[in-house]
Amino acid sequence: LTRSMTVIYADDVKGRFTISRDDSRNTVY
């Protein structure tokens, strides 16, 4: 997950895993 919120996944997790960020909690999921 880039600073500009671009997301990139490895092929074997694409469509199954999701990366996200909550700035209010300073946490990445």
PDB file of all heavy atoms in Angstrom:
ATOM      1  N   LEU A   1       0.875  -1.171   0.000  1.00  0.00           N
ATOM      2  CA  LEU A   1       0.000   0.000   0.000  1.00  0.00           C
ATOM      3  C   LEU A   1       0.912   1.221   0.000  1.00  0.00           C
ATOM      4  O   LEU A   1       1.671   1.430   0.946  1.00  0.00           O
ATOM      5  CB  LEU A   1      -0.893   0.009   1.239  1.00  0.00           C
ATOM      6  CG  LEU A   1      -1.809   1.222   1.406  1.00  0.00           C
ATOM      7  CD1 LEU A   1      -2.820   1.297   0.275  1.00  0.00           C
ATOM      8  CD2 LEU A   1      -2.533   1.173   2.747  1.00  0.00           C
ATOM      9  N   THR A   2       0.850   2.001  -1.087  1.00  0.00           N
ATOM     10  CA  THR A   2       1.722   3.158  -1.180  1.00  0.00           C
ATOM     11  C   THR A   2       1.134   4.351  -0.430  1.00  0.00           C
ATOM     12  O   THR A   2      -0.024   4.334   0.000  1.00  0.00           O
ATOM     13  CB  THR A   2       1.959   3.546  -2.637  1.00  0.00           C
ATOM     14  OG1 THR A   2       0.729   4.081  -3.176  1.00  0.00           O
ATOM     15  CG2 THR A   2       2.407   2.360  -3.476  1.00  0.00           C
ATOM     16  N   ARG A   3       1.928   5.414  -0.324  1.00  0.00           N
ATOM     17  CA  ARG A   3       1.457   6.615   0.363  1.00  0.00           C
ATOM     18  C   ARG A   3       0.233   7.207  -0.332  1.00  0.00           C
ATOM     19  O   ARG A   3      -0.631   7.790   0.313  1.00  0.00           O
ATOM     20  CB  ARG A   3       2.578   7.652   0.429  1.00  0.00           C
ATOM     21  CG  ARG A   3       3.688   7.295   1.399  1.00  0.00           C
ATOM     22  CD  ARG A   3       4.794   8.320   1.355  1.00  0.00           C
ATOM     23  NE  ARG A   3       5.514   8.283   0.095  1.00  0.00           N
ATOM     24  CZ  ARG A   3       6.478   9.129  -0.231  1.00  0.00           C
ATOM     25  NH1 ARG A   3       6.828  10.082   0.599  1.00  0.00           N
ATOM     26  NH2 ARG A   3       7.096   9.025  -1.376  1.00  0.00           N
ATOM     27  N   SER A   4       0.184   7.020  -1.652  1.00  0.00           N
ATOM     28  CA  SER A   4      -0.943   7.549  -2.412  1.00  0.00           C
ATOM     29  C   SER A   4      -2.099   6.565  -2.488  1.00  0.00           C
ATOM     30  O   SER A   4      -3.032   6.764  -3.258  1.00  0.00           O
ATOM     31  CB  SER A   4      -0.492   7.915  -3.820  1.00  0.00           C
ATOM     32  OG  SER A   4       0.017   6.773  -4.484  1.00  0.00           O
ATOM     33  N   MET A   5      -2.019   5.498  -1.697  1.00  0.00           N
ATOM     34  CA  MET A   5      -3.097   4.494  -1.580  1.00  0.00           C
ATOM     35  C   MET A   5      -3.189   3.564  -2.782  1.00  0.00           C
ATOM     36  O   MET A   5      -4.212   2.912  -2.983  1.00  0.00           O
ATOM     37  CB  MET A   5      -4.447   5.153  -1.300  1.00  0.00           C
ATOM     38  CG  MET A   5      -4.456   6.016  -0.059  1.00  0.00           C
ATOM     39  SD  MET A   5      -4.239   5.060   1.450  1.00  0.00           S
ATOM     40  CE  MET A   5      -5.872   4.364   1.648  1.00  0.00           C
ATOM     41  N   THR A   6      -2.132   3.486  -3.580  1.00  0.00           N
ATOM     42  CA  THR A   6      -2.089   2.460  -4.613  1.00  0.00           C
ATOM     43  C   THR A   6      -1.826   1.117  -3.952  1.00  0.00           C
ATOM     44  O   THR A   6      -0.993   1.022  -3.043  1.00  0.00           O
ATOM     45  CB  THR A   6      -0.973   2.768  -5.620  1.00  0.00           C
ATOM     46  OG1 THR A   6      -1.260   4.019  -6.251  1.00  0.00           O
ATOM     47  CG2 THR A   6      -0.867   1.675  -6.672  1.00  0.00           C
ATOM     48  N   VAL A   7      -2.551   0.094  -4.399  1.00  0.00           N
ATOM     49  CA  VAL A   7      -2.364  -1.250  -3.835  1.00  0.00           C
ATOM     50  C   VAL A   7      -1.855  -2.194  -4.908  1.00  0.00           C
ATOM     51  O   VAL A   7      -2.221  -2.096  -6.078  1.00  0.00           O
ATOM     52  CB  VAL A   7      -3.665  -1.786  -3.209  1.00  0.00           C
ATOM     53  CG1 VAL A   7      -4.091  -0.912  -2.046  1.00  0.00           C
ATOM     54  CG2 VAL A   7      -4.771  -1.902  -4.212  1.00  0.00           C
ATOM     55  N   ILE A   8      -1.001  -3.106  -4.479  1.00  0.00           N
ATOM     56  CA  ILE A   8      -0.426  -4.115  -5.370  1.00  0.00           C
ATOM     57  C   ILE A   8      -0.401  -5.417  -4.589  1.00  0.00           C
ATOM     58  O   ILE A   8      -0.096  -5.421  -3.387  1.00  0.00           O
ATOM     59  CB  ILE A   8       1.017  -3.750  -5.791  1.00  0.00           C
ATOM     60  CG1 ILE A   8       1.106  -2.304  -6.277  1.00  0.00           C
ATOM     61  CG2 ILE A   8       1.518  -4.698  -6.880  1.00  0.00           C
ATOM     62  CD1 ILE A   8       2.524  -1.796  -6.411  1.00  0.00           C
ATOM     63  N   TYR A   9      -0.723  -6.507  -5.273  1.00  0.00           N
ATOM     64  CA  TYR A   9      -0.766  -7.818  -4.627  1.00  0.00           C
ATOM     65  C   TYR A   9       0.053  -8.844  -5.403  1.00  0.00           C
ATOM     66  O   TYR A   9       0.139  -8.790  -6.634  1.00  0.00           O
ATOM     67  CB  TYR A   9      -2.205  -8.329  -4.531  1.00  0.00           C
ATOM     68  CG  TYR A   9      -3.117  -7.443  -3.725  1.00  0.00           C
ATOM     69  CD1 TYR A   9      -3.965  -6.538  -4.338  1.00  0.00           C
ATOM     70  CD2 TYR A   9      -3.127  -7.520  -2.337  1.00  0.00           C
ATOM     71  CE1 TYR A   9      -4.808  -5.722  -3.603  1.00  0.00           C
ATOM     72  CE2 TYR A   9      -3.969  -6.709  -1.587  1.00  0.00           C
ATOM     73  CZ  TYR A   9      -4.801  -5.811  -2.225  1.00  0.00           C
ATOM     74  OH  TYR A   9      -5.630  -5.003  -1.483  1.00  0.00           O
ATOM     75  N   ALA A  10       0.587  -9.786  -4.669  1.00  0.00           N
ATOM     76  CA  ALA A  10       1.181 -10.948  -5.312  1.00  0.00           C
ATOM     77  C   ALA A  10       0.075 -11.778  -5.949  1.00  0.00           C
ATOM     78  O   ALA A  10      -1.068 -11.792  -5.472  1.00  0.00           O
ATOM     79  CB  ALA A  10       1.945 -11.784  -4.282  1.00  0.00           C
ATOM     80  N   ASP A  11       0.420 -12.485  -7.007  1.00  0.00           N
ATOM     81  CA  ASP A  11      -0.591 -13.218  -7.763  1.00  0.00           C
ATOM     82  C   ASP A  11      -1.348 -14.235  -6.917  1.00  0.00           C
ATOM     83  O   ASP A  11      -2.560 -14.414  -7.094  1.00  0.00           O
ATOM     84  CB  ASP A  11       0.062 -13.925  -8.949  1.00  0.00           C
ATOM     85  CG  ASP A  11       0.450 -12.961 -10.054  1.00  0.00           C
ATOM     86  OD1 ASP A  11      -0.047 -11.810 -10.053  1.00  0.00           O
ATOM     87  OD2 ASP A  11       1.250 -13.353 -10.927  1.00  0.00           O
ATOM     88  N   ASP A  12      -0.670 -14.899  -5.996  1.00  0.00           N
ATOM     89  CA  ASP A  12      -1.354 -15.980  -5.278  1.00  0.00           C
ATOM     90  C   ASP A  12      -2.252 -15.496  -4.144  1.00  0.00           C
ATOM     91  O   ASP A  12      -2.916 -16.313  -3.505  1.00  0.00           O
ATOM     92  CB  ASP A  12      -0.359 -17.039  -4.791  1.00  0.00           C
ATOM     93  CG  ASP A  12       0.712 -16.479  -3.898  1.00  0.00           C
ATOM     94  OD1 ASP A  12       0.776 -15.248  -3.751  1.00  0.00           O
ATOM     95  OD2 ASP A  12       1.489 -17.269  -3.343  1.00  0.00           O
ATOM     96  N   VAL A  13      -2.299 -14.187  -3.901  1.00  0.00           N
ATOM     97  CA  VAL A  13      -3.248 -13.674  -2.907  1.00  0.00           C
ATOM     98  C   VAL A  13      -4.235 -12.700  -3.529  1.00  0.00           C
ATOM     99  O   VAL A  13      -5.198 -12.285  -2.865  1.00  0.00           O
ATOM    100  CB  VAL A  13      -2.525 -13.007  -1.719  1.00  0.00           C
ATOM    101  CG1 VAL A  13      -1.502 -13.956  -1.099  1.00  0.00           C
ATOM    102  CG2 VAL A  13      -1.876 -11.678  -2.117  1.00  0.00           C
ATOM    103  N   LYS A  14      -4.020 -12.328  -4.779  1.00  0.00           N
ATOM    104  CA  LYS A  14      -4.885 -11.365  -5.449  1.00  0.00           C
ATOM    105  C   LYS A  14      -6.321 -11.892  -5.492  1.00  0.00           C
ATOM    106  O   LYS A  14      -6.557 -13.048  -5.832  1.00  0.00           O
ATOM    107  CB  LYS A  14      -4.368 -11.117  -6.861  1.00  0.00           C
ATOM    108  CG  LYS A  14      -4.909  -9.883  -7.541  1.00  0.00           C
ATOM    109  CD  LYS A  14      -4.248  -9.700  -8.906  1.00  0.00           C
ATOM    110  CE  LYS A  14      -2.754  -9.513  -8.812  1.00  0.00           C
ATOM    111  NZ  LYS A  14      -2.126  -9.292 -10.138  1.00  0.00           N
ATOM    112  N   GLY A  15      -7.249 -11.036  -5.107  1.00  0.00           N
ATOM    113  CA  GLY A  15      -8.655 -11.438  -5.070  1.00  0.00           C
ATOM    114  C   GLY A  15      -9.077 -12.063  -3.759  1.00  0.00           C
ATOM    115  O   GLY A  15     -10.274 -12.233  -3.510  1.00  0.00           O
ATOM    116  N   ARG A  16      -8.118 -12.410  -2.916  1.00  0.00           N
ATOM    117  CA  ARG A  16      -8.439 -13.020  -1.620  1.00  0.00           C
ATOM    118  C   ARG A  16      -8.025 -12.127  -0.451  1.00  0.00           C
ATOM    119  O   ARG A  16      -8.689 -12.125   0.586  1.00  0.00           O
ATOM    120  CB  ARG A  16      -7.743 -14.371  -1.478  1.00  0.00           C
ATOM    121  CG  ARG A  16      -8.154 -15.396  -2.519  1.00  0.00           C
ATOM    122  CD  ARG A  16      -7.594 -16.783  -2.189  1.00  0.00           C
ATOM    123  NE  ARG A  16      -6.138 -16.808  -2.137  1.00  0.00           N
ATOM    124  CZ  ARG A  16      -5.432 -17.204  -1.082  1.00  0.00           C
ATOM    125  NH1 ARG A  16      -6.045 -17.603   0.014  1.00  0.00           N
ATOM    126  NH2 ARG A  16      -4.111 -17.210  -1.118  1.00  0.00           N
ATOM    127  N   PHE A  17      -6.932 -11.405  -0.602  1.00  0.00           N
ATOM    128  CA  PHE A  17      -6.417 -10.552   0.468  1.00  0.00           C
ATOM    129  C   PHE A  17      -6.634  -9.086   0.091  1.00  0.00           C
ATOM    130  O   PHE A  17      -6.557  -8.716  -1.082  1.00  0.00           O
ATOM    131  CB  PHE A  17      -4.924 -10.784   0.687  1.00  0.00           C
ATOM    132  CG  PHE A  17      -4.557 -12.138   1.238  1.00  0.00           C
ATOM    133  CD1 PHE A  17      -5.503 -13.127   1.465  1.00  0.00           C
ATOM    134  CD2 PHE A  17      -3.234 -12.418   1.546  1.00  0.00           C
ATOM    135  CE1 PHE A  17      -5.154 -14.366   1.969  1.00  0.00           C
ATOM    136  CE2 PHE A  17      -2.866 -13.649   2.059  1.00  0.00           C
ATOM    137  CZ  PHE A  17      -3.825 -14.630   2.273  1.00  0.00           C
ATOM    138  N   THR A  18      -6.852  -8.254   1.110  1.00  0.00           N
ATOM    139  CA  THR A  18      -7.036  -6.828   0.891  1.00  0.00           C
ATOM    140  C   THR A  18      -6.239  -6.041   1.922  1.00  0.00           C
ATOM    141  O   THR A  18      -6.398  -6.262   3.128  1.00  0.00           O
ATOM    142  CB  THR A  18      -8.520  -6.441   1.002  1.00  0.00           C
ATOM    143  OG1 THR A  18      -9.295  -7.212   0.079  1.00  0.00           O
ATOM    144  CG2 THR A  18      -8.711  -4.958   0.694  1.00  0.00           C
ATOM    145  N   ILE A  19      -5.410  -5.133   1.433  1.00  0.00           N
ATOM    146  CA  ILE A  19      -4.634  -4.268   2.311  1.00  0.00           C
ATOM    147  C   ILE A  19      -5.332  -2.917   2.392  1.00  0.00           C
ATOM    148  O   ILE A  19      -5.868  -2.416   1.399  1.00  0.00           O
ATOM    149  CB  ILE A  19      -3.174  -4.122   1.811  1.00  0.00           C
ATOM    150  CG1 ILE A  19      -2.307  -3.385   2.826  1.00  0.00           C
ATOM    151  CG2 ILE A  19      -3.107  -3.476   0.435  1.00  0.00           C
ATOM    152  CD1 ILE A  19      -0.815  -3.406   2.486  1.00  0.00           C
ATOM    153  N   SER A  20      -5.353  -2.336   3.591  1.00  0.00           N
ATOM    154  CA  SER A  20      -5.998  -1.051   3.777  1.00  0.00           C
ATOM    155  C   SER A  20      -5.329  -0.297   4.923  1.00  0.00           C
ATOM    156  O   SER A  20      -4.539  -0.879   5.688  1.00  0.00           O
ATOM    157  CB  SER A  20      -7.496  -1.219   4.060  1.00  0.00           C
ATOM    158  OG  SER A  20      -7.698  -1.952   5.260  1.00  0.00           O
ATOM    159  N   ARG A  21      -5.684   0.972   5.043  1.00  0.00           N
ATOM    160  CA  ARG A  21      -5.054   1.811   6.062  1.00  0.00           C
ATOM    161  C   ARG A  21      -6.112   2.670   6.741  1.00  0.00           C
ATOM    162  O   ARG A  21      -7.000   3.218   6.082  1.00  0.00           O
ATOM    163  CB  ARG A  21      -3.995   2.707   5.403  1.00  0.00           C
ATOM    164  CG  ARG A  21      -3.060   3.423   6.339  1.00  0.00           C
ATOM    165  CD  ARG A  21      -2.070   4.252   5.544  1.00  0.00           C
ATOM    166  NE  ARG A  21      -2.680   5.475   5.048  1.00  0.00           N
ATOM    167  CZ  ARG A  21      -2.279   6.116   3.952  1.00  0.00           C
ATOM    168  NH1 ARG A  21      -1.283   5.632   3.232  1.00  0.00           N
ATOM    169  NH2 ARG A  21      -2.874   7.229   3.582  1.00  0.00           N
ATOM    170  N   ASP A  22      -6.025   2.778   8.054  1.00  0.00           N
ATOM    171  CA  ASP A  22      -6.891   3.667   8.826  1.00  0.00           C
ATOM    172  C   ASP A  22      -6.005   4.731   9.451  1.00  0.00           C
ATOM    173  O   ASP A  22      -5.296   4.469  10.438  1.00  0.00           O
ATOM    174  CB  ASP A  22      -7.639   2.865   9.898  1.00  0.00           C
ATOM    175  CG  ASP A  22      -8.635   3.708  10.676  1.00  0.00           C
ATOM    176  OD1 ASP A  22      -8.494   4.958  10.695  1.00  0.00           O
ATOM    177  OD2 ASP A  22      -9.538   3.127  11.285  1.00  0.00           O
ATOM    178  N   ASP A  23      -6.033   5.925   8.880  1.00  0.00           N
ATOM    179  CA  ASP A  23      -5.142   6.982   9.370  1.00  0.00           C
ATOM    180  C   ASP A  23      -5.525   7.450  10.771  1.00  0.00           C
ATOM    181  O   ASP A  23      -4.658   7.899  11.530  1.00  0.00           O
ATOM    182  CB  ASP A  23      -5.137   8.148   8.390  1.00  0.00           C
ATOM    183  CG  ASP A  23      -4.450   7.799   7.080  1.00  0.00           C
ATOM    184  OD1 ASP A  23      -3.691   6.813   7.055  1.00  0.00           O
ATOM    185  OD2 ASP A  23      -4.685   8.502   6.077  1.00  0.00           O
ATOM    186  N   SER A  24      -6.801   7.353  11.122  1.00  0.00           N
ATOM    187  CA  SER A  24      -7.210   7.789  12.462  1.00  0.00           C
ATOM    188  C   SER A  24      -6.640   6.882  13.552  1.00  0.00           C
ATOM    189  O   SER A  24      -6.436   7.319  14.690  1.00  0.00           O
ATOM    190  CB  SER A  24      -8.729   7.825  12.558  1.00  0.00           C
ATOM    191  OG  SER A  24      -9.276   6.519  12.502  1.00  0.00           O
ATOM    192  N   ARG A  25      -6.354   5.649  13.183  1.00  0.00           N
ATOM    193  CA  ARG A  25      -5.770   4.687  14.132  1.00  0.00           C
ATOM    194  C   ARG A  25      -4.291   4.449  13.867  1.00  0.00           C
ATOM    195  O   ARG A  25      -3.661   3.687  14.610  1.00  0.00           O
ATOM    196  CB  ARG A  25      -6.520   3.363  14.065  1.00  0.00           C
ATOM    197  CG  ARG A  25      -7.986   3.470  14.459  1.00  0.00           C
ATOM    198  CD  ARG A  25      -8.686   2.122  14.337  1.00  0.00           C
ATOM    199  NE  ARG A  25     -10.110   2.217  14.598  1.00  0.00           N
ATOM    200  CZ  ARG A  25     -10.657   2.118  15.796  1.00  0.00           C
ATOM    201  NH1 ARG A  25      -9.891   1.894  16.863  1.00  0.00           N
ATOM    202  NH2 ARG A  25     -11.955   2.227  15.953  1.00  0.00           N
ATOM    203  N   ASN A  26      -3.773   5.040  12.781  1.00  0.00           N
ATOM    204  CA  ASN A  26      -2.385   4.804  12.375  1.00  0.00           C
ATOM    205  C   ASN A  26      -2.104   3.305  12.309  1.00  0.00           C
ATOM    206  O   ASN A  26      -1.112   2.780  12.852  1.00  0.00           O
ATOM    207  CB  ASN A  26      -1.395   5.491  13.305  1.00  0.00           C
ATOM    208  CG  ASN A  26      -0.052   5.736  12.644  1.00  0.00           C
ATOM    209  OD1 ASN A  26       0.040   5.911  11.428  1.00  0.00           O
ATOM    210  ND2 ASN A  26       1.005   5.745  13.443  1.00  0.00           N
ATOM    211  N   THR A  27      -2.992   2.615  11.612  1.00  0.00           N
ATOM    212  CA  THR A  27      -2.941   1.152  11.533  1.00  0.00           C
ATOM    213  C   THR A  27      -3.174   0.718  10.089  1.00  0.00           C
ATOM    214  O   THR A  27      -3.998   1.307   9.386  1.00  0.00           O
ATOM    215  CB  THR A  27      -4.011   0.525  12.448  1.00  0.00           C
ATOM    216  OG1 THR A  27      -3.738   0.899  13.805  1.00  0.00           O
ATOM    217  CG2 THR A  27      -4.008  -0.996  12.340  1.00  0.00           C
ATOM    218  N   VAL A  28      -2.445  -0.285   9.687  1.00  0.00           N
ATOM    219  CA  VAL A  28      -2.639  -0.912   8.377  1.00  0.00           C
ATOM    220  C   VAL A  28      -3.189  -2.314   8.619  1.00  0.00           C
ATOM    221  O   VAL A  28      -2.748  -3.013   9.539  1.00  0.00           O
ATOM    222  CB  VAL A  28      -1.330  -0.960   7.577  1.00  0.00           C
ATOM    223  CG1 VAL A  28      -1.489  -1.800   6.318  1.00  0.00           C
ATOM    224  CG2 VAL A  28      -0.899   0.457   7.211  1.00  0.00           C
ATOM    225  N   TYR A  29      -4.132  -2.693   7.781  1.00  0.00           N
ATOM    226  CA  TYR A  29      -4.793  -3.990   7.914  1.00  0.00           C
ATOM    227  C   TYR A  29      -4.498  -4.875   6.715  1.00  0.00           C
ATOM    228  O   TYR A  29      -4.229  -4.380   5.616  1.00  0.00           O
ATOM    229  CB  TYR A  29      -6.305  -3.803   8.031  1.00  0.00           C
ATOM    230  CG  TYR A  29      -6.719  -2.953   9.197  1.00  0.00           C
ATOM    231  CD1 TYR A  29      -7.019  -1.605   9.030  1.00  0.00           C
ATOM    232  CD2 TYR A  29      -6.806  -3.492  10.477  1.00  0.00           C
ATOM    233  CE1 TYR A  29      -7.400  -0.815  10.103  1.00  0.00           C
ATOM    234  CE2 TYR A  29      -7.192  -2.703  11.558  1.00  0.00           C
ATOM    235  CZ  TYR A  29      -7.486  -1.369  11.367  1.00  0.00           C
ATOM    236  OH  TYR A  29      -7.852  -0.589  12.424  1.00  0.00           O
TER     237      TYR A  29
END
